């Protein structure tokens, strides 16, 4: 003889409780995701302070290092440029070129384009990443829009340069590096800091 299985549709109270639990879980997840996005820029700044990568002091040091490097014209490294947005529709953000071949030890520049489509004046900041992780210590930016928040007027489009050098001591096994940025609208965080 078969025993009946409990089916939430048999009891409307069980269905309501299950729906309430699911709603609370989804709401918690959404709040957690928002909180993580809100905290990402300050976390990046702390990470830069702790690791020494990406802070303003390193810009000057990177410029000095570039003058001391001996270019390796016998070797080419492909640098790929990637741009990402955490949300769709409020910004346009992209590199002008997808990749370039560089000689380690030489200074290069690539431009990214950002267009404010939020419908208001705002502040944004880019968070960089270099892959593979082993290449991070050998990829040095001497000028970058990512180190300070960028003020954008409503509808403003701007070309933002990145100047970089790949250290000639980059391991020979690495012939491709990816420089990627995630571009965050930062105006909510900046307004909160002013209060």
Protein backbone atom coordinates (compact mmCIF):
# COMPACT_ATOMS: atom_id res chain seq x y z
CA UNK A 1 0.00 0.00 0.00
CA UNK A 2 1.39 3.39 -1.00
CA UNK A 3 1.74 6.05 1.68
CA UNK A 4 0.78 9.58 0.64
CA UNK A 5 3.64 12.06 0.20
CA UNK A 6 3.42 15.51 1.70
CA UNK A 7 2.84 17.92 -1.13
CA UNK A 8 3.01 21.69 -0.42
CA UNK A 9 0.00 22.14 -2.67
CA UNK A 10 -2.05 20.05 -0.22
CA UNK A 11 -1.54 22.65 2.53
CA UNK A 12 -1.71 26.36 1.60
CA UNK A 13 0.11 27.34 4.83
CA UNK A 14 3.14 25.20 3.88
CA UNK A 15 3.19 26.82 0.44
CA UNK A 16 3.05 30.30 1.97
CA UNK A 17 5.89 29.48 4.39
CA UNK A 18 8.03 28.03 1.58
CA UNK A 19 7.40 31.12 -0.55
CA UNK A 20 8.29 33.43 2.36
CA UNK A 21 11.54 31.55 3.02
CA UNK A 22 12.48 31.68 -0.66
CA UNK A 23 11.68 35.41 -0.85
CA UNK A 24 13.83 36.13 2.22
CA UNK A 25 16.72 34.08 0.83
CA UNK A 26 16.55 35.89 -2.53
CA UNK A 27 16.34 39.27 -0.81
CA UNK A 28 19.36 38.40 1.34
CA UNK A 29 21.30 37.34 -1.73
CA UNK A 30 20.42 40.59 -3.56
CA UNK A 31 21.43 42.71 -0.55
CA UNK A 32 24.69 40.76 -0.22
CA UNK A 33 25.50 41.27 -3.91
CA UNK A 34 24.76 45.00 -3.63
CA UNK A 35 26.90 45.27 -0.48
CA UNK A 36 29.78 43.45 -2.16
CA UNK A 37 29.62 45.78 -5.20
CA UNK A 38 29.46 48.81 -2.90
CA UNK A 39 32.50 47.62 -0.91
CA UNK A 40 34.62 46.53 -3.88
CA UNK A 41 36.32 49.89 -4.50
CA UNK A 42 37.40 50.42 -0.86
CA UNK A 43 38.50 46.79 -0.67
CA UNK A 44 40.61 47.33 -3.79
CA UNK A 45 42.19 50.42 -2.22
CA UNK A 46 43.07 48.43 0.91
CA UNK A 47 44.47 45.63 -1.25
CA UNK A 48 46.64 48.17 -3.11
CA UNK A 49 47.97 49.53 0.19
CA UNK A 50 48.75 46.05 1.51
CA UNK A 51 50.30 44.57 -1.64
CA UNK A 52 51.89 47.73 -3.04
CA UNK A 53 50.26 47.15 -6.45
CA UNK A 54 48.17 49.92 -7.94
CA UNK A 55 48.80 52.76 -5.55
CA UNK A 56 49.79 56.30 -6.55
CA UNK A 57 53.29 56.02 -5.08
CA UNK A 58 53.95 53.12 -7.44
CA UNK A 59 53.16 55.33 -10.45
CA UNK A 60 56.26 57.40 -9.76
CA UNK A 61 58.30 54.27 -9.02
CA UNK A 62 57.08 52.63 -12.25
CA UNK A 63 58.13 55.69 -14.24
CA UNK A 64 61.59 55.54 -12.66
CA UNK A 65 61.81 51.79 -13.29
CA UNK A 66 60.95 52.24 -16.97
CA UNK A 67 63.92 54.58 -17.36
CA UNK A 68 66.19 51.92 -15.84
CA UNK A 69 64.92 49.00 -17.97
CA UNK A 70 66.80 47.76 -21.00
CA UNK A 71 64.30 46.93 -23.76
CA UNK A 72 64.30 43.37 -25.12
CA UNK A 73 63.67 43.90 -28.85
CA UNK A 74 64.22 40.20 -29.56
CA UNK A 75 61.01 39.25 -27.78
CA UNK A 76 57.32 40.05 -28.30
CA UNK A 77 54.58 39.69 -25.70
CA UNK A 78 50.90 39.98 -26.62
CA UNK A 79 48.93 42.19 -24.26
CA UNK A 80 45.17 41.72 -24.46
CA UNK A 81 42.81 44.48 -23.26
CA UNK A 82 39.42 43.69 -21.71
CA UNK A 83 36.66 45.89 -20.29
CA UNK A 84 33.69 44.79 -18.22
CA UNK A 85 30.70 46.45 -16.58
CA UNK A 86 28.93 45.04 -13.53
CA UNK A 87 25.58 46.25 -14.89
CA UNK A 88 24.22 46.64 -18.41
CA UNK A 89 22.91 49.87 -19.88
CA UNK A 90 24.27 52.62 -17.63
CA UNK A 91 27.75 52.88 -19.15
CA UNK A 92 29.67 52.14 -22.30
CA UNK A 93 33.23 51.09 -21.51
CA UNK A 94 35.69 49.49 -23.92
CA UNK A 95 39.33 49.48 -25.04
CA UNK A 96 40.05 51.10 -28.41
CA UNK A 97 42.04 48.02 -29.45
CA UNK A 98 41.70 44.38 -28.39
CA UNK A 99 45.42 43.61 -28.15
CA UNK A 100 48.92 44.71 -29.09
CA UNK A 101 52.32 43.09 -29.34
CA UNK A 102 54.94 44.78 -27.16
CA UNK A 103 58.66 44.52 -26.57
CA UNK A 104 59.42 44.12 -22.85
CA UNK A 105 61.14 47.19 -21.44
CA UNK A 106 59.45 49.67 -23.80
CA UNK A 107 56.73 52.12 -22.79
CA UNK A 108 53.34 51.73 -24.52
CA UNK A 109 49.95 53.40 -24.35
CA UNK A 110 46.46 52.06 -24.90
CA UNK A 111 43.22 54.05 -24.69
CA UNK A 112 39.94 53.03 -23.11
CA UNK A 113 36.67 54.83 -23.84
CA UNK A 114 34.04 55.47 -21.16
CA UNK A 115 30.61 56.96 -21.90
CA UNK A 116 28.23 57.97 -19.08
CA UNK A 117 24.73 56.76 -20.00
CA UNK A 118 23.30 57.03 -16.45
CA UNK A 119 21.31 60.20 -17.18
CA UNK A 120 23.07 62.14 -14.40
CA UNK A 121 26.44 63.54 -13.36
CA UNK A 122 28.32 60.77 -11.62
CA UNK A 123 31.63 59.39 -10.43
CA UNK A 124 33.11 56.09 -11.60
CA UNK A 125 36.21 54.05 -10.91
CA UNK A 126 37.90 51.20 -12.75
CA UNK A 127 39.31 48.19 -10.92
CA UNK A 128 42.22 46.60 -12.82
CA UNK A 129 43.38 43.01 -12.94
CA UNK A 130 46.30 41.35 -14.69
CA UNK A 131 46.28 37.71 -15.77
CA UNK A 132 47.93 35.33 -15.40
CA UNK A 133 48.66 36.20 -11.76
CA UNK A 134 52.36 35.48 -12.26
CA UNK A 135 52.55 38.43 -14.70
CA UNK A 136 51.21 40.97 -12.19
CA UNK A 137 54.64 41.78 -10.75
CA UNK A 138 56.04 42.34 -14.26
CA UNK A 139 53.27 44.58 -15.64
CA UNK A 140 53.79 48.18 -14.55
CA UNK A 141 51.43 51.07 -15.24
CA UNK A 142 53.08 54.51 -15.33
CA UNK A 143 49.80 56.34 -15.95
CA UNK A 144 46.31 54.98 -15.37
CA UNK A 145 42.77 56.29 -15.01
CA UNK A 146 42.14 53.51 -12.50
CA UNK A 147 43.95 55.06 -9.54
CA UNK A 148 41.51 57.89 -8.89
CA UNK A 149 37.73 58.19 -9.19
CA UNK A 150 36.66 59.82 -12.47
CA UNK A 151 34.01 62.56 -12.52
CA UNK A 152 31.66 62.34 -15.50
CA UNK A 153 29.03 64.84 -16.58
CA UNK A 154 25.69 63.52 -17.80
CA UNK A 155 26.25 61.99 -21.26
CA UNK A 156 30.02 62.65 -21.21
CA UNK A 157 32.28 60.38 -23.25
CA UNK A 158 35.99 60.34 -22.49
CA UNK A 159 39.13 58.67 -23.83
CA UNK A 160 41.28 57.50 -20.92
CA UNK A 161 44.91 56.42 -21.47
CA UNK A 162 46.89 53.70 -19.77
CA UNK A 163 50.67 53.83 -20.14
CA UNK A 164 52.50 50.65 -19.25
CA UNK A 165 55.73 48.73 -19.54
CA UNK A 166 56.29 44.98 -19.35
CA UNK A 167 59.40 44.18 -17.34
CA UNK A 168 62.03 42.35 -19.45
CA UNK A 169 62.42 39.91 -16.54
CA UNK A 170 58.98 38.49 -17.33
CA UNK A 171 59.44 34.69 -17.44
CA UNK A 172 60.06 33.48 -21.00
CA UNK A 173 57.18 31.02 -20.65
CA UNK A 174 54.73 33.94 -20.58
CA UNK A 175 53.99 35.36 -24.01
CA UNK A 176 50.45 36.67 -23.35
CA UNK A 177 49.15 39.01 -20.65
CA UNK A 178 45.57 40.22 -20.15
CA UNK A 179 44.88 43.64 -18.66
CA UNK A 180 41.24 43.87 -17.66
CA UNK A 181 39.14 46.52 -15.97
CA UNK A 182 35.75 46.42 -14.31
CA UNK A 183 34.16 49.88 -14.41
CA UNK A 184 31.92 50.77 -11.44
CA UNK A 185 29.58 53.70 -10.99
CA UNK A 186 30.90 55.06 -7.71
CA UNK A 187 28.61 58.06 -7.10
CA UNK A 188 26.61 56.39 -4.30
CA UNK A 189 29.77 55.62 -2.34
CA UNK A 190 31.20 59.13 -2.87
CA UNK A 191 27.93 60.75 -1.72
CA UNK A 192 27.94 58.57 1.40
CA UNK A 193 31.53 59.58 2.23
CA UNK A 194 30.63 63.30 1.99
CA UNK A 195 27.80 63.01 4.55
